[in-house]
Amino acid sequence: MRKLASLRRVSMITPIDGADMIELAVLDGWQCVVKKGEFAVGDPAVYFEIDSFLPVEPRFEFLRKSSLRCMEGRAGFRLRSMRLRGQLSQGLAMPLAGFPELSEAEEGDDVTAALNVEKYEAPVPLSLAGKVRGMFPGRIPKTDEARIQNLPDWFEQHRLTEFEVSVKLDGSSMTSYWMDGEFGVCSRNLDLLESPSNTLWQLALRYRLAERLCDLGRELALQGEVIGEGIQKNNERIRGQDFYVFNIYDIARARYLAPAERADVLAELNGFPGPTLQQVPILGSWQVFARFPVMAELLAFADGPSLNPKRPREGIVLKGMAEESPISCKAISNAYLLRQG
């Protein structure tokens, strides 16, 4: 699960030109604007990542003007990327002293639940919502890659590891599975009943996913991005909707397929009748952390063209090429985050 709120230590403080009241604090791979003098290097802090949805309570009231949002009928404060005095600020850092309930917590601890923090989820378009069959299947992981800012040690640990690099498309997650002799279609959090009005089921039927997975005879989950009209501002500017595979999960073996394995299975599935199943755009495979040895260089590379070469991409996803326990993470384009708000 994503650590939306965690205990971290300030590793750097940088002044901001022309600013008397604020300065820039760095915590692991993240940077955010803080009040001047509020932190010194080495101080502990409670750090809230972007996309956090903070409860309405006195400690967060200063966010009301900029961040008040509604999610599922509840008010809260949504954190996002922004620029302050020309500096990129991502998330929120607050002194640990303001959180007496965390007196026993240690550096690195996940305090998301303790502080009633949730992940902000934008309202789901009616075309994707559908009728609920049940909760997301427990045997299949939900789709949510760790951000590279939370993995600063990877630049040294995986300097010589080869990764597949793919474009992260900005859409909505879809999972289609064949398990226990049944086919199912899921949104990010829910298993959906078949419905001709639901976009995810429309795509599953268009690509004959039930027949193909059944004929393949393996318990697998295809996970991918649904993009197009009515979905996340349709960044790619396509007509209608489409589906691009980014992961295949082997349910029986309880592990994700490595990139080469995924390509082989897609080739097998495309041998059955139906339209060609497409992967998200693959940029190549490299020793990424040797090519981009510091965080800023990798995040700069996350900028660039998307599936539609005239449109900016949301970012990139790195997947280890090793077949056993492949590792993965994502680097989101800061320029894209600022543009999308």
Foldseek 3Di string as FASTA:
>chain_A
DDQQKFKFFWADWAQAPPDDFWTWTDTQLFIAIDGPPQDDGGAIWIWGFAQKWAADDDVCVVQVVPAWDADPRHITGGWFWAADSNDIHTTDIHHPVVPVVCVVPDHPDRCCVVRVIDGHDDDDPPLAPAAFPFWDDPLDDFDDFAACSVVNVCLPVLLPFKWWKFFDAQWWKKKWWQDPNDIWIDTRIGTHDQDPSHLRNVQCVQQVVVVLRVVVPFTKMWMWGKAEPPTLNRQLHDHDIHTATAWMARSVVSATFAPVVVVVSLVSSCVDDHDRHHHGGTPGMDSVSNVVSHDVSQLVVQWAAGPNRVGTTQGMKIWGRDGPRIHIHTRGHSVVRHVSD
